[in-house]
Amino acid sequence: TDRVQNARGRAEKLADVRESIRHT
């Protein structure tokens, strides 16, 4: 599409994904 995920959602997702990488 002509957009990416809303910035707040991206921030929360990034925090979870980075933690997932570090721990699992």
mmCIF file of all heavy atoms, coordinates in Angstrom:
data_MODEL
# 
_entry.id   MODEL 
# 
loop_
_atom_site.group_PDB 
_atom_site.id 
_atom_site.type_symbol 
_atom_site.label_atom_id 
_atom_site.label_alt_id 
_atom_site.label_comp_id 
_atom_site.label_asym_id 
_atom_site.label_entity_id 
_atom_site.label_seq_id 
_atom_site.pdbx_PDB_ins_code 
_atom_site.Cartn_x 
_atom_site.Cartn_y 
_atom_site.Cartn_z 
_atom_site.occupancy 
_atom_site.B_iso_or_equiv 
_atom_site.pdbx_formal_charge 
_atom_site.auth_seq_id 
_atom_site.auth_comp_id 
_atom_site.auth_asym_id 
_atom_site.auth_atom_id 
_atom_site.pdbx_PDB_model_num 
ATOM 1   N N   . THR A 1 1  ? 0.832  -1.193  0.000  1.00 0.00 ? 1  THR A N   1 
ATOM 2   C CA  . THR A 1 1  ? 0.000  0.000   0.000  1.00 0.00 ? 1  THR A CA  1 
ATOM 3   C C   . THR A 1 1  ? 0.872  1.251   0.000  1.00 0.00 ? 1  THR A C   1 
ATOM 4   O O   . THR A 1 1  ? 2.100  1.180   -0.034 1.00 0.00 ? 1  THR A O   1 
ATOM 5   C CB  . THR A 1 1  ? -0.905 0.016   1.247  1.00 0.00 ? 1  THR A CB  1 
ATOM 6   O OG1 . THR A 1 1  ? -0.075 0.139   2.413  1.00 0.00 ? 1  THR A OG1 1 
ATOM 7   C CG2 . THR A 1 1  ? -1.721 -1.266  1.342  1.00 0.00 ? 1  THR A CG2 1 
ATOM 8   N N   . ASP A 1 2  ? 0.205  2.422   0.071  1.00 0.00 ? 2  ASP A N   1 
ATOM 9   C CA  . ASP A 1 2  ? 0.918  3.698   0.088  1.00 0.00 ? 2  ASP A CA  1 
ATOM 10  C C   . ASP A 1 2  ? 1.208  4.154   1.519  1.00 0.00 ? 2  ASP A C   1 
ATOM 11  O O   . ASP A 1 2  ? 1.342  5.339   1.781  1.00 0.00 ? 2  ASP A O   1 
ATOM 12  C CB  . ASP A 1 2  ? 0.119  4.774   -0.650 1.00 0.00 ? 2  ASP A CB  1 
ATOM 13  C CG  . ASP A 1 2  ? -1.233 5.048   -0.019 1.00 0.00 ? 2  ASP A CG  1 
ATOM 14  O OD1 . ASP A 1 2  ? -1.600 4.347   0.948  1.00 0.00 ? 2  ASP A OD1 1 
ATOM 15  O OD2 . ASP A 1 2  ? -1.928 5.969   -0.488 1.00 0.00 ? 2  ASP A OD2 1 
ATOM 16  N N   . ARG A 1 3  ? 1.314  3.234   2.452  1.00 0.00 ? 3  ARG A N   1 
ATOM 17  C CA  . ARG A 1 3  ? 1.557  3.573   3.847  1.00 0.00 ? 3  ARG A CA  1 
ATOM 18  C C   . ARG A 1 3  ? 2.362  2.463   4.506  1.00 0.00 ? 3  ARG A C   1 
ATOM 19  O O   . ARG A 1 3  ? 2.526  1.362   3.957  1.00 0.00 ? 3  ARG A O   1 
ATOM 20  C CB  . ARG A 1 3  ? 0.224  3.733   4.591  1.00 0.00 ? 3  ARG A CB  1 
ATOM 21  C CG  . ARG A 1 3  ? -0.640 2.485   4.492  1.00 0.00 ? 3  ARG A CG  1 
ATOM 22  C CD  . ARG A 1 3  ? -2.019 2.639   5.106  1.00 0.00 ? 3  ARG A CD  1 
ATOM 23  N NE  . ARG A 1 3  ? -2.842 1.458   4.843  1.00 0.00 ? 3  ARG A NE  1 
ATOM 24  C CZ  . ARG A 1 3  ? -3.744 1.380   3.876  1.00 0.00 ? 3  ARG A CZ  1 
ATOM 25  N NH1 . ARG A 1 3  ? -3.929 2.409   3.065  1.00 0.00 ? 3  ARG A NH1 1 
ATOM 26  N NH2 . ARG A 1 3  ? -4.454 0.290   3.695  1.00 0.00 ? 3  ARG A NH2 1 
ATOM 27  N N   . VAL A 1 4  ? 2.869  2.769   5.684  1.00 0.00 ? 4  VAL A N   1 
ATOM 28  C CA  . VAL A 1 4  ? 3.420  1.752   6.571  1.00 0.00 ? 4  VAL A CA  1 
ATOM 29  C C   . VAL A 1 4  ? 2.623  1.816   7.870  1.00 0.00 ? 4  VAL A C   1 
ATOM 30  O O   . VAL A 1 4  ? 1.848  2.745   8.097  1.00 0.00 ? 4  VAL A O   1 
ATOM 31  C CB  . VAL A 1 4  ? 4.921  1.953   6.844  1.00 0.00 ? 4  VAL A CB  1 
ATOM 32  C CG1 . VAL A 1 4  ? 5.727  1.787   5.564  1.00 0.00 ? 4  VAL A CG1 1 
ATOM 33  C CG2 . VAL A 1 4  ? 5.196  3.316   7.474  1.00 0.00 ? 4  VAL A CG2 1 
ATOM 34  N N   . GLN A 1 5  ? 2.801  0.836   8.721  1.00 0.00 ? 5  GLN A N   1 
ATOM 35  C CA  . GLN A 1 5  ? 2.109  0.784   10.002 1.00 0.00 ? 5  GLN A CA  1 
ATOM 36  C C   . GLN A 1 5  ? 2.271  2.099   10.760 1.00 0.00 ? 5  GLN A C   1 
ATOM 37  O O   . GLN A 1 5  ? 3.308  2.753   10.671 1.00 0.00 ? 5  GLN A O   1 
ATOM 38  C CB  . GLN A 1 5  ? 2.695  -0.371  10.828 1.00 0.00 ? 5  GLN A CB  1 
ATOM 39  C CG  . GLN A 1 5  ? 2.029  -0.629  12.157 1.00 0.00 ? 5  GLN A CG  1 
ATOM 40  C CD  . GLN A 1 5  ? 2.726  -1.741  12.922 1.00 0.00 ? 5  GLN A CD  1 
ATOM 41  O OE1 . GLN A 1 5  ? 3.858  -2.135  12.596 1.00 0.00 ? 5  GLN A OE1 1 
ATOM 42  N NE2 . GLN A 1 5  ? 2.083  -2.269  13.947 1.00 0.00 ? 5  GLN A NE2 1 
ATOM 43  N N   . ASN A 1 6  ? 1.230  2.497   11.500 1.00 0.00 ? 6  ASN A N   1 
ATOM 44  C CA  . ASN A 1 6  ? 1.318  3.740   12.259 1.00 0.00 ? 6  ASN A CA  1 
ATOM 45  C C   . ASN A 1 6  ? 2.517  3.710   13.194 1.00 0.00 ? 6  ASN A C   1 
ATOM 46  O O   . ASN A 1 6  ? 2.920  2.662   13.700 1.00 0.00 ? 6  ASN A O   1 
ATOM 47  C CB  . ASN A 1 6  ? 0.038  3.990   13.048 1.00 0.00 ? 6  ASN A CB  1 
ATOM 48  C CG  . ASN A 1 6  ? -0.215 2.943   14.124 1.00 0.00 ? 6  ASN A CG  1 
ATOM 49  O OD1 . ASN A 1 6  ? -0.278 1.749   13.826 1.00 0.00 ? 6  ASN A OD1 1 
ATOM 50  N ND2 . ASN A 1 6  ? -0.362 3.380   15.361 1.00 0.00 ? 6  ASN A ND2 1 
ATOM 51  N N   . ALA A 1 7  ? 3.114  4.881   13.419 1.00 0.00 ? 7  ALA A N   1 
ATOM 52  C CA  . ALA A 1 7  ? 4.396  4.959   14.119 1.00 0.00 ? 7  ALA A CA  1 
ATOM 53  C C   . ALA A 1 7  ? 4.337  4.370   15.521 1.00 0.00 ? 7  ALA A C   1 
ATOM 54  O O   . ALA A 1 7  ? 5.276  3.700   15.963 1.00 0.00 ? 7  ALA A O   1 
ATOM 55  C CB  . ALA A 1 7  ? 4.869  6.414   14.174 1.00 0.00 ? 7  ALA A CB  1 
ATOM 56  N N   . ARG A 1 8  ? 3.255  4.631   16.250 1.00 0.00 ? 8  ARG A N   1 
ATOM 57  C CA  . ARG A 1 8  ? 3.151  4.073   17.598 1.00 0.00 ? 8  ARG A CA  1 
ATOM 58  C C   . ARG A 1 8  ? 3.148  2.551   17.555 1.00 0.00 ? 8  ARG A C   1 
ATOM 59  O O   . ARG A 1 8  ? 3.808  1.888   18.357 1.00 0.00 ? 8  ARG A O   1 
ATOM 60  C CB  . ARG A 1 8  ? 1.873  4.585   18.274 1.00 0.00 ? 8  ARG A CB  1 
ATOM 61  C CG  . ARG A 1 8  ? 1.708  4.100   19.701 1.00 0.00 ? 8  ARG A CG  1 
ATOM 62  C CD  . ARG A 1 8  ? 0.432  4.660   20.317 1.00 0.00 ? 8  ARG A CD  1 
ATOM 63  N NE  . ARG A 1 8  ? 0.249  4.209   21.672 1.00 0.00 ? 8  ARG A NE  1 
ATOM 64  C CZ  . ARG A 1 8  ? -0.815 4.511   22.417 1.00 0.00 ? 8  ARG A CZ  1 
ATOM 65  N NH1 . ARG A 1 8  ? -1.770 5.275   21.917 1.00 0.00 ? 8  ARG A NH1 1 
ATOM 66  N NH2 . ARG A 1 8  ? -0.929 4.062   23.646 1.00 0.00 ? 8  ARG A NH2 1 
ATOM 67  N N   . GLY A 1 9  ? 2.413  1.980   16.609 1.00 0.00 ? 9  GLY A N   1 
ATOM 68  C CA  . GLY A 1 9  ? 2.406  0.531   16.457 1.00 0.00 ? 9  GLY A CA  1 
ATOM 69  C C   . GLY A 1 9  ? 3.773  -0.009  16.064 1.00 0.00 ? 9  GLY A C   1 
ATOM 70  O O   . GLY A 1 9  ? 4.199  -1.065  16.540 1.00 0.00 ? 9  GLY A O   1 
ATOM 71  N N   . ARG A 1 10 ? 4.473  0.709   15.188 1.00 0.00 ? 10 ARG A N   1 
ATOM 72  C CA  . ARG A 1 10 ? 5.818  0.293   14.798 1.00 0.00 ? 10 ARG A CA  1 
ATOM 73  C C   . ARG A 1 10 ? 6.751  0.289   16.006 1.00 0.00 ? 10 ARG A C   1 
ATOM 74  O O   . ARG A 1 10 ? 7.575  -0.625  16.164 1.00 0.00 ? 10 ARG A O   1 
ATOM 75  C CB  . ARG A 1 10 ? 6.386  1.233   13.732 1.00 0.00 ? 10 ARG A CB  1 
ATOM 76  C CG  . ARG A 1 10 ? 5.767  1.104   12.351 1.00 0.00 ? 10 ARG A CG  1 
ATOM 77  C CD  . ARG A 1 10 ? 6.407  2.112   11.388 1.00 0.00 ? 10 ARG A CD  1 
ATOM 78  N NE  . ARG A 1 10 ? 7.787  1.788   11.116 1.00 0.00 ? 10 ARG A NE  1 
ATOM 79  C CZ  . ARG A 1 10 ? 8.702  2.677   10.753 1.00 0.00 ? 10 ARG A CZ  1 
ATOM 80  N NH1 . ARG A 1 10 ? 8.386  3.959   10.666 1.00 0.00 ? 10 ARG A NH1 1 
ATOM 81  N NH2 . ARG A 1 10 ? 9.931  2.302   10.496 1.00 0.00 ? 10 ARG A NH2 1 
ATOM 82  N N   . ALA A 1 11 ? 6.638  1.321   16.848 1.00 0.00 ? 11 ALA A N   1 
ATOM 83  C CA  . ALA A 1 11 ? 7.510  1.417   18.023 1.00 0.00 ? 11 ALA A CA  1 
ATOM 84  C C   . ALA A 1 11 ? 7.281  0.251   18.973 1.00 0.00 ? 11 ALA A C   1 
ATOM 85  O O   . ALA A 1 11 ? 8.231  -0.389  19.450 1.00 0.00 ? 11 ALA A O   1 
ATOM 86  C CB  . ALA A 1 11 ? 7.273  2.746   18.738 1.00 0.00 ? 11 ALA A CB  1 
ATOM 87  N N   . GLU A 1 12 ? 6.022  -0.048  19.252 1.00 0.00 ? 12 GLU A N   1 
ATOM 88  C CA  . GLU A 1 12 ? 5.717  -1.149  20.164 1.00 0.00 ? 12 GLU A CA  1 
ATOM 89  C C   . GLU A 1 12 ? 6.149  -2.483  19.576 1.00 0.00 ? 12 GLU A C   1 
ATOM 90  O O   . GLU A 1 12 ? 6.707  -3.336  20.287 1.00 0.00 ? 12 GLU A O   1 
ATOM 91  C CB  . GLU A 1 12 ? 4.218  -1.144  20.463 1.00 0.00 ? 12 GLU A CB  1 
ATOM 92  C CG  . GLU A 1 12 ? 3.769  0.070   21.252 1.00 0.00 ? 12 GLU A CG  1 
ATOM 93  C CD  . GLU A 1 12 ? 2.266  0.222   21.313 1.00 0.00 ? 12 GLU A CD  1 
ATOM 94  O OE1 . GLU A 1 12 ? 1.560  -0.391  20.480 1.00 0.00 ? 12 GLU A OE1 1 
ATOM 95  O OE2 . GLU A 1 12 ? 1.796  0.963   22.189 1.00 0.00 ? 12 GLU A OE2 1 
ATOM 96  N N   . LYS A 1 13 ? 5.898  -2.664  18.296 1.00 0.00 ? 13 LYS A N   1 
ATOM 97  C CA  . LYS A 1 13 ? 6.300  -3.910  17.639 1.00 0.00 ? 13 LYS A CA  1 
ATOM 98  C C   . LYS A 1 13 ? 7.812  -4.072  17.641 1.00 0.00 ? 13 LYS A C   1 
ATOM 99  O O   . LYS A 1 13 ? 8.340  -5.165  17.906 1.00 0.00 ? 13 LYS A O   1 
ATOM 100 C CB  . LYS A 1 13 ? 5.750  -3.933  16.208 1.00 0.00 ? 13 LYS A CB  1 
ATOM 101 C CG  . LYS A 1 13 ? 6.201  -5.127  15.370 1.00 0.00 ? 13 LYS A CG  1 
ATOM 102 C CD  . LYS A 1 13 ? 5.460  -5.188  14.053 1.00 0.00 ? 13 LYS A CD  1 
ATOM 103 C CE  . LYS A 1 13 ? 5.624  -3.943  13.226 1.00 0.00 ? 13 LYS A CE  1 
ATOM 104 N NZ  . LYS A 1 13 ? 7.031  -3.681  12.820 1.00 0.00 ? 13 LYS A NZ  1 
ATOM 105 N N   . LEU A 1 14 ? 8.525  -2.985  17.354 1.00 0.00 ? 14 LEU A N   1 
ATOM 106 C CA  . LEU A 1 14 ? 9.982  -3.046  17.333 1.00 0.00 ? 14 LEU A CA  1 
ATOM 107 C C   . LEU A 1 14 ? 10.527 -3.436  18.705 1.00 0.00 ? 14 LEU A C   1 
ATOM 108 O O   . LEU A 1 14 ? 11.457 -4.245  18.805 1.00 0.00 ? 14 LEU A O   1 
ATOM 109 C CB  . LEU A 1 14 ? 10.560 -1.698  16.901 1.00 0.00 ? 14 LEU A CB  1 
ATOM 110 C CG  . LEU A 1 14 ? 12.084 -1.600  16.854 1.00 0.00 ? 14 LEU A CG  1 
ATOM 111 C CD1 . LEU A 1 14 ? 12.679 -2.588  15.862 1.00 0.00 ? 14 LEU A CD1 1 
ATOM 112 C CD2 . LEU A 1 14 ? 12.521 -0.174  16.507 1.00 0.00 ? 14 LEU A CD2 1 
ATOM 113 N N   . ALA A 1 15 ? 9.953  -2.876  19.767 1.00 0.00 ? 15 ALA A N   1 
ATOM 114 C CA  . ALA A 1 15 ? 10.396 -3.221  21.110 1.00 0.00 ? 15 ALA A CA  1 
ATOM 115 C C   . ALA A 1 15 ? 10.221 -4.715  21.371 1.00 0.00 ? 15 ALA A C   1 
ATOM 116 O O   . ALA A 1 15 ? 11.119 -5.377  21.912 1.00 0.00 ? 15 ALA A O   1 
ATOM 117 C CB  . ALA A 1 15 ? 9.627  -2.403  22.145 1.00 0.00 ? 15 ALA A CB  1 
ATOM 118 N N   . ASP A 1 16 ? 9.075  -5.268  20.973 1.00 0.00 ? 16 ASP A N   1 
ATOM 119 C CA  . ASP A 1 16 ? 8.828  -6.693  21.184 1.00 0.00 ? 16 ASP A CA  1 
ATOM 120 C C   . ASP A 1 16 ? 9.740  -7.559  20.319 1.00 0.00 ? 16 ASP A C   1 
ATOM 121 O O   . ASP A 1 16 ? 10.266 -8.581  20.774 1.00 0.00 ? 16 ASP A O   1 
ATOM 122 C CB  . ASP A 1 16 ? 7.366  -7.022  20.867 1.00 0.00 ? 16 ASP A CB  1 
ATOM 123 C CG  . ASP A 1 16 ? 6.414  -6.484  21.915 1.00 0.00 ? 16 ASP A CG  1 
ATOM 124 O OD1 . ASP A 1 16 ? 6.821  -6.351  23.079 1.00 0.00 ? 16 ASP A OD1 1 
ATOM 125 O OD2 . ASP A 1 16 ? 5.249  -6.196  21.569 1.00 0.00 ? 16 ASP A OD2 1 
ATOM 126 N N   . VAL A 1 17 ? 9.921  -7.168  19.059 1.00 0.00 ? 17 VAL A N   1 
ATOM 127 C CA  . VAL A 1 17 ? 10.747 -7.957  18.149 1.00 0.00 ? 17 VAL A CA  1 
ATOM 128 C C   . VAL A 1 17 ? 12.208 -7.954  18.598 1.00 0.00 ? 17 VAL A C   1 
ATOM 129 O O   . VAL A 1 17 ? 12.878 -8.986  18.590 1.00 0.00 ? 17 VAL A O   1 
ATOM 130 C CB  . VAL A 1 17 ? 10.615 -7.445  16.703 1.00 0.00 ? 17 VAL A CB  1 
ATOM 131 C CG1 . VAL A 1 17 ? 11.651 -8.097  15.788 1.00 0.00 ? 17 VAL A CG1 1 
ATOM 132 C CG2 . VAL A 1 17 ? 9.213  -7.722  16.176 1.00 0.00 ? 17 VAL A CG2 1 
ATOM 133 N N   . ARG A 1 18 ? 12.716 -6.785  19.027 1.00 0.00 ? 18 ARG A N   1 
ATOM 134 C CA  . ARG A 1 18 ? 14.108 -6.734  19.501 1.00 0.00 ? 18 ARG A CA  1 
ATOM 135 C C   . ARG A 1 18 ? 14.287 -7.610  20.728 1.00 0.00 ? 18 ARG A C   1 
ATOM 136 O O   . ARG A 1 18 ? 15.297 -8.306  20.869 1.00 0.00 ? 18 ARG A O   1 
ATOM 137 C CB  . ARG A 1 18 ? 14.509 -5.298  19.829 1.00 0.00 ? 18 ARG A CB  1 
ATOM 138 C CG  . ARG A 1 18 ? 14.567 -4.306  18.696 1.00 0.00 ? 18 ARG A CG  1 
ATOM 139 C CD  . ARG A 1 18 ? 15.295 -4.722  17.469 1.00 0.00 ? 18 ARG A CD  1 
ATOM 140 N NE  . ARG A 1 18 ? 16.553 -5.412  17.684 1.00 0.00 ? 18 ARG A NE  1 
ATOM 141 C CZ  . ARG A 1 18 ? 17.307 -5.875  16.696 1.00 0.00 ? 18 ARG A CZ  1 
ATOM 142 N NH1 . ARG A 1 18 ? 16.928 -5.734  15.436 1.00 0.00 ? 18 ARG A NH1 1 
ATOM 143 N NH2 . ARG A 1 18 ? 18.444 -6.500  16.945 1.00 0.00 ? 18 ARG A NH2 1 
ATOM 144 N N   . GLU A 1 19 ? 13.317 -7.613  21.622 1.00 0.00 ? 19 GLU A N   1 
ATOM 145 C CA  . GLU A 1 19 ? 13.413 -8.465  22.806 1.00 0.00 ? 19 GLU A CA  1 
ATOM 146 C C   . GLU A 1 19 ? 13.349 -9.939  22.412 1.00 0.00 ? 19 GLU A C   1 
ATOM 147 O O   . GLU A 1 19 ? 14.057 -10.780 22.970 1.00 0.00 ? 19 GLU A O   1 
ATOM 148 C CB  . GLU A 1 19 ? 12.296 -8.123  23.792 1.00 0.00 ? 19 GLU A CB  1 
ATOM 149 C CG  . GLU A 1 19 ? 12.432 -8.851  25.122 1.00 0.00 ? 19 GLU A CG  1 
ATOM 150 C CD  . GLU A 1 19 ? 11.548 -8.270  26.201 1.00 0.00 ? 19 GLU A CD  1 
ATOM 151 O OE1 . GLU A 1 19 ? 11.252 -7.064  26.146 1.00 0.00 ? 19 GLU A OE1 1 
ATOM 152 O OE2 . GLU A 1 19 ? 11.162 -9.021  27.108 1.00 0.00 ? 19 GLU A OE2 1 
ATOM 153 N N   . SER A 1 20 ? 12.501 -10.266 21.441 1.00 0.00 ? 20 SER A N   1 
ATOM 154 C CA  . SER A 1 20 ? 12.404 -11.640 20.951 1.00 0.00 ? 20 SER A CA  1 
ATOM 155 C C   . SER A 1 20 ? 13.728 -12.105 20.368 1.00 0.00 ? 20 SER A C   1 
ATOM 156 O O   . SER A 1 20 ? 14.175 -13.237 20.609 1.00 0.00 ? 20 SER A O   1 
ATOM 157 C CB  . SER A 1 20 ? 11.298 -11.732 19.894 1.00 0.00 ? 20 SER A CB  1 
ATOM 158 O OG  . SER A 1 20 ? 11.255 -12.992 19.286 1.00 0.00 ? 20 SER A OG  1 
ATOM 159 N N   . ILE A 1 21 ? 14.394 -11.244 19.613 1.00 0.00 ? 21 ILE A N   1 
ATOM 160 C CA  . ILE A 1 21 ? 15.698 -11.594 19.038 1.00 0.00 ? 21 ILE A CA  1 
ATOM 161 C C   . ILE A 1 21 ? 16.703 -11.879 20.142 1.00 0.00 ? 21 ILE A C   1 
ATOM 162 O O   . ILE A 1 21 ? 17.437 -12.879 20.109 1.00 0.00 ? 21 ILE A O   1 
ATOM 163 C CB  . ILE A 1 21 ? 16.212 -10.467 18.126 1.00 0.00 ? 21 ILE A CB  1 
ATOM 164 C CG1 . ILE A 1 21 ? 15.333 -10.338 16.884 1.00 0.00 ? 21 ILE A CG1 1 
ATOM 165 C CG2 . ILE A 1 21 ? 17.663 -10.723 17.715 1.00 0.00 ? 21 ILE A CG2 1 
ATOM 166 C CD1 . ILE A 1 21 ? 15.677 -9.152  15.999 1.00 0.00 ? 21 ILE A CD1 1 
ATOM 167 N N   . ARG A 1 22 ? 16.749 -10.997 21.141 1.00 0.00 ? 22 ARG A N   1 
ATOM 168 C CA  . ARG A 1 22 ? 17.749 -11.157 22.194 1.00 0.00 ? 22 ARG A CA  1 
ATOM 169 C C   . ARG A 1 22 ? 17.528 -12.404 23.027 1.00 0.00 ? 22 ARG A C   1 
ATOM 170 O O   . ARG A 1 22 ? 18.487 -13.060 23.443 1.00 0.00 ? 22 ARG A O   1 
ATOM 171 C CB  . ARG A 1 22 ? 17.742 -9.917  23.097 1.00 0.00 ? 22 ARG A CB  1 
ATOM 172 C CG  . ARG A 1 22 ? 18.355 -8.680  22.467 1.00 0.00 ? 22 ARG A CG  1 
ATOM 173 C CD  . ARG A 1 22 ? 18.540 -7.580  23.487 1.00 0.00 ? 22 ARG A CD  1 
ATOM 174 N NE  . ARG A 1 22 ? 17.267 -7.117  24.023 1.00 0.00 ? 22 ARG A NE  1 
ATOM 175 C CZ  . ARG A 1 22 ? 16.565 -6.128  23.497 1.00 0.00 ? 22 ARG A CZ  1 
ATOM 176 N NH1 . ARG A 1 22 ? 16.995 -5.504  22.407 1.00 0.00 ? 22 ARG A NH1 1 
ATOM 177 N NH2 . ARG A 1 22 ? 15.419 -5.753  24.049 1.00 0.00 ? 22 ARG A NH2 1 
ATOM 178 N N   . HIS A 1 23 ? 16.266 -12.766 23.285 1.00 0.00 ? 23 HIS A N   1 
ATOM 179 C CA  . HIS A 1 23 ? 15.991 -13.848 24.226 1.00 0.00 ? 23 HIS A CA  1 
ATOM 180 C C   . HIS A 1 23 ? 15.760 -15.201 23.570 1.00 0.00 ? 23 HIS A C   1 
ATOM 181 O O   . HIS A 1 23 ? 16.051 -16.233 24.177 1.00 0.00 ? 23 HIS A O   1 
ATOM 182 C CB  . HIS A 1 23 ? 14.795 -13.478 25.100 1.00 0.00 ? 23 HIS A CB  1 
ATOM 183 C CG  . HIS A 1 23 ? 15.075 -12.367 26.066 1.00 0.00 ? 23 HIS A CG  1 
ATOM 184 N ND1 . HIS A 1 23 ? 15.940 -12.501 27.126 1.00 0.00 ? 23 HIS A ND1 1 
ATOM 185 C CD2 . HIS A 1 23 ? 14.626 -11.098 26.125 1.00 0.00 ? 23 HIS A CD2 1 
ATOM 186 C CE1 . HIS A 1 23 ? 16.000 -11.371 27.802 1.00 0.00 ? 23 HIS A CE1 1 
ATOM 187 N NE2 . HIS A 1 23 ? 15.219 -10.495 27.202 1.00 0.00 ? 23 HIS A NE2 1 
ATOM 188 N N   . THR A 1 24 ? 15.220 -15.230 22.347 1.00 0.00 ? 24 THR A N   1 
ATOM 189 C CA  . THR A 1 24 ? 14.901 -16.511 21.716 1.00 0.00 ? 24 THR A CA  1 
ATOM 190 C C   . THR A 1 24 ? 15.520 -16.676 20.339 1.00 0.00 ? 24 THR A C   1 
ATOM 191 O O   . THR A 1 24 ? 15.490 -17.769 19.787 1.00 0.00 ? 24 THR A O   1 
ATOM 192 C CB  . THR A 1 24 ? 13.372 -16.688 21.588 1.00 0.00 ? 24 THR A CB  1 
ATOM 193 O OG1 . THR A 1 24 ? 12.861 -15.765 20.614 1.00 0.00 ? 24 THR A OG1 1 
ATOM 194 C CG2 . THR A 1 24 ? 12.681 -16.447 22.925 1.00 0.00 ? 24 THR A CG2 1 
# 
